[in-house]
Amino acid sequence: MLVLGPDQLDALERHMMDALQARLQQVIAATFPELNGEAPGERLRSIIHRGVESASRYGIEEPPDLAAFIALGLASRALPPGTSIDWIRDWLERPDTAGATKLAIIEAQLASGTGNPAYFSLTARVKQ
């Protein structure tokens, strides 16, 4: 029987988090090539770190959901000024809704054809 001590478990957890963040960096860098300017690695690491922390507050933990959450946040920054996306925060802050469900509902509403061209841009980015 293999028994892992607390230090070994911590090291394993750190390794898994580092691997997840590296994968998220690749996905986000491919989806948002404009982030690959000066010092892209450091900038992306910071974005991923903040995104993972924010996502965890909303119960979003699975790697594909983390990538979609971070992409949603980055894409929303490119919307025209005054474009209201408060409804997204309303969905994210529902404590009794699972993280994956929150993202599925948000993506479905974005894809539903709201008539706002900014939403179509946002949807296209999040789908990537």
N, C-alpha and C. Protein backbone atom coordinates (compact mmCIF):
# COMPACT_ATOMS: atom_id res chain seq x y z
N MET A 1 0.84 -1.17 0.00
CA MET A 1 0.00 0.00 0.00
C MET A 1 0.89 1.24 0.00
N LEU A 2 0.57 2.16 -0.86
CA LEU A 2 1.30 3.42 -0.96
C LEU A 2 0.67 4.44 -0.04
N VAL A 3 1.47 5.05 0.80
CA VAL A 3 0.99 6.07 1.72
C VAL A 3 1.76 7.36 1.43
N LEU A 4 1.02 8.40 1.18
CA LEU A 4 1.63 9.70 0.92
C LEU A 4 1.52 10.57 2.16
N GLY A 5 2.61 11.22 2.47
CA GLY A 5 2.61 12.14 3.60
C GLY A 5 2.09 13.51 3.18
N PRO A 6 1.85 14.38 4.16
CA PRO A 6 1.33 15.71 3.86
C PRO A 6 2.21 16.51 2.89
N ASP A 7 3.54 16.40 3.05
CA ASP A 7 4.44 17.13 2.14
C ASP A 7 4.32 16.60 0.71
N GLN A 8 4.20 15.29 0.58
CA GLN A 8 4.06 14.69 -0.74
C GLN A 8 2.73 15.08 -1.38
N LEU A 9 1.68 15.09 -0.59
CA LEU A 9 0.37 15.51 -1.11
C LEU A 9 0.40 16.97 -1.55
N ASP A 10 1.05 17.82 -0.76
CA ASP A 10 1.18 19.23 -1.14
C ASP A 10 1.94 19.38 -2.45
N ALA A 11 3.04 18.62 -2.58
CA ALA A 11 3.84 18.68 -3.81
C ALA A 11 3.04 18.19 -5.01
N LEU A 12 2.28 17.13 -4.83
CA LEU A 12 1.43 16.61 -5.90
C LEU A 12 0.36 17.63 -6.30
N GLU A 13 -0.25 18.24 -5.32
CA GLU A 13 -1.27 19.27 -5.59
C GLU A 13 -0.67 20.45 -6.33
N ARG A 14 0.50 20.91 -5.91
CA ARG A 14 1.17 22.02 -6.61
C ARG A 14 1.49 21.64 -8.04
N HIS A 15 1.98 20.42 -8.24
CA HIS A 15 2.31 19.96 -9.59
C HIS A 15 1.07 19.94 -10.47
N MET A 16 -0.03 19.43 -9.95
CA MET A 16 -1.27 19.38 -10.73
C MET A 16 -1.78 20.78 -11.05
N MET A 17 -1.68 21.71 -10.10
CA MET A 17 -2.12 23.08 -10.34
C MET A 17 -1.22 23.75 -11.38
N ASP A 18 0.07 23.51 -11.30
CA ASP A 18 1.00 24.07 -12.30
C ASP A 18 0.68 23.54 -13.69
N ALA A 19 0.38 22.25 -13.79
CA ALA A 19 0.04 21.65 -15.09
C ALA A 19 -1.26 22.23 -15.62
N LEU A 20 -2.24 22.41 -14.75
CA LEU A 20 -3.52 23.00 -15.16
C LEU A 20 -3.31 24.43 -15.65
N GLN A 21 -2.54 25.20 -14.91
CA GLN A 21 -2.30 26.59 -15.31
C GLN A 21 -1.54 26.67 -16.63
N ALA A 22 -0.60 25.76 -16.85
CA ALA A 22 0.13 25.74 -18.12
C ALA A 22 -0.81 25.44 -19.28
N ARG A 23 -1.71 24.50 -19.08
CA ARG A 23 -2.68 24.16 -20.13
C ARG A 23 -3.63 25.32 -20.39
N LEU A 24 -4.09 25.96 -19.33
CA LEU A 24 -4.98 27.12 -19.48
C LEU A 24 -4.25 28.25 -20.22
N GLN A 25 -2.97 28.42 -19.91
CA GLN A 25 -2.18 29.44 -20.61
C GLN A 25 -2.16 29.18 -22.11
N GLN A 26 -1.97 27.93 -22.50
CA GLN A 26 -1.94 27.58 -23.92
C GLN A 26 -3.27 27.89 -24.58
N VAL A 27 -4.35 27.50 -23.94
CA VAL A 27 -5.68 27.71 -24.50
C VAL A 27 -5.98 29.20 -24.63
N ILE A 28 -5.72 29.96 -23.59
CA ILE A 28 -6.02 31.40 -23.61
C ILE A 28 -5.11 32.12 -24.61
N ALA A 29 -3.84 31.73 -24.67
CA ALA A 29 -2.92 32.36 -25.63
C ALA A 29 -3.38 32.11 -27.07
N ALA A 30 -3.90 30.91 -27.34
CA ALA A 30 -4.38 30.60 -28.69
C ALA A 30 -5.67 31.35 -29.01
N THR A 31 -6.53 31.53 -28.02
CA THR A 31 -7.81 32.20 -28.23
C THR A 31 -7.64 33.71 -28.30
N PHE A 32 -6.71 34.24 -27.54
CA PHE A 32 -6.48 35.68 -27.47
C PHE A 32 -5.03 35.99 -27.85
N PRO A 33 -4.69 35.88 -29.13
CA PRO A 33 -3.29 36.10 -29.53
C PRO A 33 -2.80 37.52 -29.24
N GLU A 34 -3.71 38.45 -29.06
CA GLU A 34 -3.30 39.82 -28.74
C GLU A 34 -2.62 39.91 -27.38
N LEU A 35 -2.74 38.89 -26.56
CA LEU A 35 -2.08 38.87 -25.26
C LEU A 35 -0.64 38.41 -25.36
N ASN A 36 -0.21 38.02 -26.54
CA ASN A 36 1.14 37.48 -26.72
C ASN A 36 2.16 38.55 -27.06
N GLY A 37 1.92 39.77 -26.63
CA GLY A 37 2.85 40.87 -26.88
C GLY A 37 4.06 40.76 -25.97
N GLU A 38 4.42 41.86 -25.35
CA GLU A 38 5.59 41.89 -24.46
C GLU A 38 5.34 41.03 -23.22
N ALA A 39 6.33 40.26 -22.84
CA ALA A 39 6.29 39.39 -21.66
C ALA A 39 5.00 38.59 -21.58
N PRO A 40 4.67 37.84 -22.64
CA PRO A 40 3.37 37.15 -22.65
C PRO A 40 3.23 36.11 -21.54
N GLY A 41 4.30 35.40 -21.23
CA GLY A 41 4.21 34.36 -20.21
C GLY A 41 3.80 34.91 -18.86
N GLU A 42 4.44 35.97 -18.45
CA GLU A 42 4.13 36.57 -17.15
C GLU A 42 2.72 37.15 -17.13
N ARG A 43 2.36 37.81 -18.18
CA ARG A 43 1.01 38.41 -18.26
C ARG A 43 -0.06 37.31 -18.23
N LEU A 44 0.15 36.26 -19.02
CA LEU A 44 -0.82 35.17 -19.06
C LEU A 44 -0.90 34.44 -17.71
N ARG A 45 0.24 34.23 -17.08
CA ARG A 45 0.23 33.58 -15.76
C ARG A 45 -0.61 34.39 -14.77
N SER A 46 -0.45 35.70 -14.81
CA SER A 46 -1.22 36.56 -13.92
C SER A 46 -2.72 36.49 -14.22
N ILE A 47 -3.06 36.53 -15.51
CA ILE A 47 -4.47 36.44 -15.91
C ILE A 47 -5.06 35.11 -15.47
N ILE A 48 -4.33 34.03 -15.71
CA ILE A 48 -4.81 32.69 -15.36
C ILE A 48 -4.97 32.57 -13.84
N HIS A 49 -3.99 33.05 -13.11
CA HIS A 49 -4.05 32.97 -11.65
C HIS A 49 -5.28 33.70 -11.11
N ARG A 50 -5.47 34.94 -11.57
CA ARG A 50 -6.64 35.71 -11.12
C ARG A 50 -7.94 35.06 -11.57
N GLY A 51 -7.94 34.54 -12.79
CA GLY A 51 -9.14 33.88 -13.31
C GLY A 51 -9.52 32.64 -12.53
N VAL A 52 -8.53 31.83 -12.17
CA VAL A 52 -8.80 30.62 -11.40
C VAL A 52 -9.32 30.99 -10.01
N GLU A 53 -8.72 32.01 -9.40
CA GLU A 53 -9.20 32.45 -8.08
C GLU A 53 -10.64 32.95 -8.16
N SER A 54 -10.94 33.76 -9.17
CA SER A 54 -12.31 34.27 -9.33
C SER A 54 -13.28 33.14 -9.59
N ALA A 55 -12.91 32.24 -10.48
CA ALA A 55 -13.79 31.12 -10.83
C ALA A 55 -14.11 30.28 -9.61
N SER A 56 -13.13 30.05 -8.75
CA SER A 56 -13.37 29.21 -7.57
C SER A 56 -14.40 29.84 -6.65
N ARG A 57 -14.46 31.16 -6.61
CA ARG A 57 -15.48 31.82 -5.78
C ARG A 57 -16.89 31.55 -6.30
N TYR A 58 -17.00 31.24 -7.59
CA TYR A 58 -18.30 30.95 -8.19
C TYR A 58 -18.56 29.45 -8.34
N GLY A 59 -17.69 28.61 -7.77
CA GLY A 59 -17.88 27.17 -7.84
C GLY A 59 -17.49 26.57 -9.18
N ILE A 60 -16.66 27.28 -9.93
CA ILE A 60 -16.21 26.81 -11.24
C ILE A 60 -14.82 26.22 -11.05
N GLU A 61 -14.70 24.90 -11.30
CA GLU A 61 -13.45 24.23 -10.97
C GLU A 61 -12.91 23.30 -12.05
N GLU A 62 -13.73 22.83 -12.95
CA GLU A 62 -13.28 21.90 -13.98
C GLU A 62 -12.47 22.64 -15.04
N PRO A 63 -11.39 22.03 -15.56
CA PRO A 63 -10.54 22.73 -16.53
C PRO A 63 -11.27 23.36 -17.72
N PRO A 64 -12.19 22.66 -18.40
CA PRO A 64 -12.87 23.32 -19.52
C PRO A 64 -13.71 24.52 -19.07
N ASP A 65 -14.30 24.39 -17.86
CA ASP A 65 -15.10 25.49 -17.33
C ASP A 65 -14.21 26.67 -16.94
N LEU A 66 -13.04 26.37 -16.39
CA LEU A 66 -12.10 27.44 -16.05
C LEU A 66 -11.68 28.20 -17.31
N ALA A 67 -11.38 27.46 -18.36
CA ALA A 67 -10.98 28.10 -19.61
C ALA A 67 -12.11 28.97 -20.15
N ALA A 68 -13.34 28.46 -20.12
CA ALA A 68 -14.48 29.23 -20.61
C ALA A 68 -14.71 30.47 -19.75
N PHE A 69 -14.57 30.34 -18.44
CA PHE A 69 -14.76 31.47 -17.54
C PHE A 69 -13.73 32.56 -17.81
N ILE A 70 -12.48 32.16 -17.94
CA ILE A 70 -11.41 33.14 -18.21
C ILE A 70 -11.62 33.79 -19.57
N ALA A 71 -12.00 33.00 -20.57
CA ALA A 71 -12.26 33.55 -21.91
C ALA A 71 -13.43 34.52 -21.87
N LEU A 72 -14.45 34.19 -21.10
CA LEU A 72 -15.61 35.08 -20.97
C LEU A 72 -15.18 36.43 -20.38
N GLY A 73 -14.36 36.38 -19.33
CA GLY A 73 -13.88 37.62 -18.72
C GLY A 73 -13.04 38.44 -19.67
N LEU A 74 -12.14 37.81 -20.40
CA LEU A 74 -11.29 38.53 -21.34
C LEU A 74 -12.11 39.10 -22.51
N ALA A 75 -13.03 38.30 -23.03
CA ALA A 75 -13.84 38.75 -24.16
C ALA A 75 -14.75 39.90 -23.75
N SER A 76 -15.23 39.87 -22.52
CA SER A 76 -16.14 40.94 -22.09
C SER A 76 -15.44 42.29 -22.03
N ARG A 77 -14.13 42.28 -21.87
CA ARG A 77 -13.37 43.55 -21.83
C ARG A 77 -13.35 44.24 -23.19
N ALA A 78 -13.60 43.47 -24.25
CA ALA A 78 -13.55 44.02 -25.60
C ALA A 78 -14.91 44.54 -26.07
N LEU A 79 -15.92 44.42 -25.21
CA LEU A 79 -17.24 44.90 -25.60
C LEU A 79 -17.27 46.42 -25.66
N PRO A 80 -18.14 46.97 -26.48
CA PRO A 80 -18.26 48.43 -26.54
C PRO A 80 -18.66 48.99 -25.18
N PRO A 81 -18.16 50.18 -24.85
CA PRO A 81 -18.53 50.81 -23.58
C PRO A 81 -20.05 50.92 -23.46
N GLY A 82 -20.53 50.67 -22.27
CA GLY A 82 -21.96 50.78 -22.02
C GLY A 82 -22.74 49.50 -22.28
N THR A 83 -22.06 48.45 -22.79
CA THR A 83 -22.74 47.18 -23.01
C THR A 83 -22.94 46.51 -21.65
N SER A 84 -24.19 46.29 -21.29
CA SER A 84 -24.49 45.72 -20.00
C SER A 84 -24.38 44.20 -20.03
N ILE A 85 -23.56 43.69 -19.14
CA ILE A 85 -23.47 42.24 -18.99
C ILE A 85 -23.68 41.87 -17.51
N ASP A 86 -24.43 42.71 -16.81
CA ASP A 86 -24.72 42.46 -15.40
C ASP A 86 -25.43 41.13 -15.18
N TRP A 87 -26.20 40.71 -16.18
CA TRP A 87 -26.92 39.44 -16.07
C TRP A 87 -25.96 38.27 -15.92
N ILE A 88 -24.74 38.40 -16.45
CA ILE A 88 -23.75 37.34 -16.32
C ILE A 88 -23.35 37.21 -14.85
N ARG A 89 -23.06 38.33 -14.21
CA ARG A 89 -22.70 38.30 -12.79
C ARG A 89 -23.86 37.74 -11.96
N ASP A 90 -25.09 38.10 -12.33
CA ASP A 90 -26.25 37.57 -11.61
C ASP A 90 -26.27 36.04 -11.64
N TRP A 91 -25.97 35.46 -12.81
CA TRP A 91 -25.92 34.00 -12.91
C TRP A 91 -24.76 33.44 -12.12
N LEU A 92 -23.60 34.07 -12.21
CA LEU A 92 -22.42 33.56 -11.53
C LEU A 92 -22.58 33.56 -10.01
N GLU A 93 -23.34 34.50 -9.50
CA GLU A 93 -23.48 34.64 -8.05
C GLU A 93 -24.60 33.80 -7.46
N ARG A 94 -25.18 32.90 -8.22
CA ARG A 94 -26.23 32.01 -7.68
C ARG A 94 -25.56 30.88 -6.91
N PRO A 95 -25.72 30.88 -5.59
CA PRO A 95 -24.99 29.90 -4.77
C PRO A 95 -25.46 28.46 -4.94
N ASP A 96 -26.70 28.25 -5.32
CA ASP A 96 -27.23 26.89 -5.41
C ASP A 96 -27.13 26.29 -6.81
N THR A 97 -26.44 26.97 -7.72
CA THR A 97 -26.29 26.48 -9.09
C THR A 97 -24.84 26.04 -9.29
N ALA A 98 -24.66 24.86 -9.85
CA ALA A 98 -23.31 24.33 -10.08
C ALA A 98 -22.57 25.21 -11.10
N GLY A 99 -21.26 25.27 -10.96
CA GLY A 99 -20.44 26.10 -11.84
C GLY A 99 -20.62 25.78 -13.30
N ALA A 100 -20.63 24.49 -13.64
CA ALA A 100 -20.79 24.09 -15.04
C ALA A 100 -22.16 24.51 -15.57
N THR A 101 -23.17 24.44 -14.72
CA THR A 101 -24.51 24.85 -15.12
C THR A 101 -24.56 26.35 -15.36
N LYS A 102 -23.93 27.11 -14.49
CA LYS A 102 -23.88 28.57 -14.67
C LYS A 102 -23.31 28.91 -16.03
N LEU A 103 -22.16 28.30 -16.37
CA LEU A 103 -21.52 28.60 -17.65
C LEU A 103 -22.38 28.15 -18.83
N ALA A 104 -23.02 27.00 -18.70
CA ALA A 104 -23.87 26.51 -19.78
C ALA A 104 -25.03 27.48 -20.03
N ILE A 105 -25.62 27.99 -18.98
CA ILE A 105 -26.73 28.94 -19.13
C ILE A 105 -26.24 30.24 -19.75
N ILE A 106 -25.12 30.73 -19.28
CA ILE A 106 -24.57 31.98 -19.82
C ILE A 106 -24.25 31.81 -21.30
N GLU A 107 -23.59 30.71 -21.66
CA GLU A 107 -23.25 30.47 -23.07
C GLU A 107 -24.51 30.31 -23.92
N ALA A 108 -25.53 29.65 -23.38
CA ALA A 108 -26.78 29.48 -24.13
C ALA A 108 -27.46 30.83 -24.36
N GLN A 109 -27.45 31.68 -23.36
CA GLN A 109 -28.07 33.00 -23.52
C GLN A 109 -27.28 33.85 -24.51
N LEU A 110 -25.96 33.73 -24.47
CA LEU A 110 -25.14 34.48 -25.43
C LEU A 110 -25.40 33.98 -26.86
N ALA A 111 -25.60 32.69 -27.00
CA ALA A 111 -25.81 32.10 -28.32
C ALA A 111 -27.24 32.25 -28.82
N SER A 112 -28.13 32.70 -27.97
CA SER A 112 -29.55 32.73 -28.33
C SER A 112 -29.89 33.82 -29.34
N GLY A 113 -28.93 34.66 -29.67
CA GLY A 113 -29.22 35.71 -30.64
C GLY A 113 -29.94 36.88 -30.00
N THR A 114 -29.28 37.53 -29.09
CA THR A 114 -29.91 38.63 -28.37
C THR A 114 -30.12 39.85 -29.24
N GLY A 115 -29.55 39.86 -30.43
CA GLY A 115 -29.70 41.01 -31.30
C GLY A 115 -28.62 42.05 -31.09
N ASN A 116 -27.83 41.90 -30.07
CA ASN A 116 -26.76 42.84 -29.79
C ASN A 116 -25.48 42.30 -30.43
N PRO A 117 -24.93 42.99 -31.42
CA PRO A 117 -23.73 42.48 -32.10
C PRO A 117 -22.55 42.26 -31.15
N ALA A 118 -22.49 43.00 -30.07
CA ALA A 118 -21.41 42.81 -29.10
C ALA A 118 -21.48 41.42 -28.49
N TYR A 119 -22.68 40.92 -28.27
CA TYR A 119 -22.83 39.59 -27.70
C TYR A 119 -22.35 38.52 -28.67
N PHE A 120 -22.57 38.75 -29.96
CA PHE A 120 -22.11 37.77 -30.94
C PHE A 120 -20.60 37.68 -30.92
N SER A 121 -19.93 38.81 -30.76
CA SER A 121 -18.47 38.82 -30.67
C SER A 121 -18.02 38.08 -29.43
N LEU A 122 -18.68 38.33 -28.32
CA LEU A 122 -18.36 37.68 -27.07
C LEU A 122 -18.56 36.17 -27.18
N THR A 123 -19.67 35.77 -27.79
CA THR A 123 -19.97 34.35 -27.96
C THR A 123 -18.93 33.66 -28.80
N ALA A 124 -18.52 34.29 -29.88
CA ALA A 124 -17.52 33.68 -30.77
C ALA A 124 -16.22 33.43 -30.02
N ARG A 125 -15.80 34.38 -29.21
CA ARG A 125 -14.56 34.23 -28.45
C ARG A 125 -14.68 33.13 -27.40
N VAL A 126 -15.80 33.09 -26.68
CA VAL A 126 -15.97 32.09 -25.63
C VAL A 126 -16.03 30.68 -26.21
N LYS A 127 -16.63 30.52 -27.39
CA LYS A 127 -16.71 29.21 -28.01
C LYS A 127 -15.34 28.67 -28.38
N GLN A 128 -14.40 29.56 -28.69
CA GLN A 128 -13.05 29.11 -29.03
C GLN A 128 -12.42 28.43 -27.84
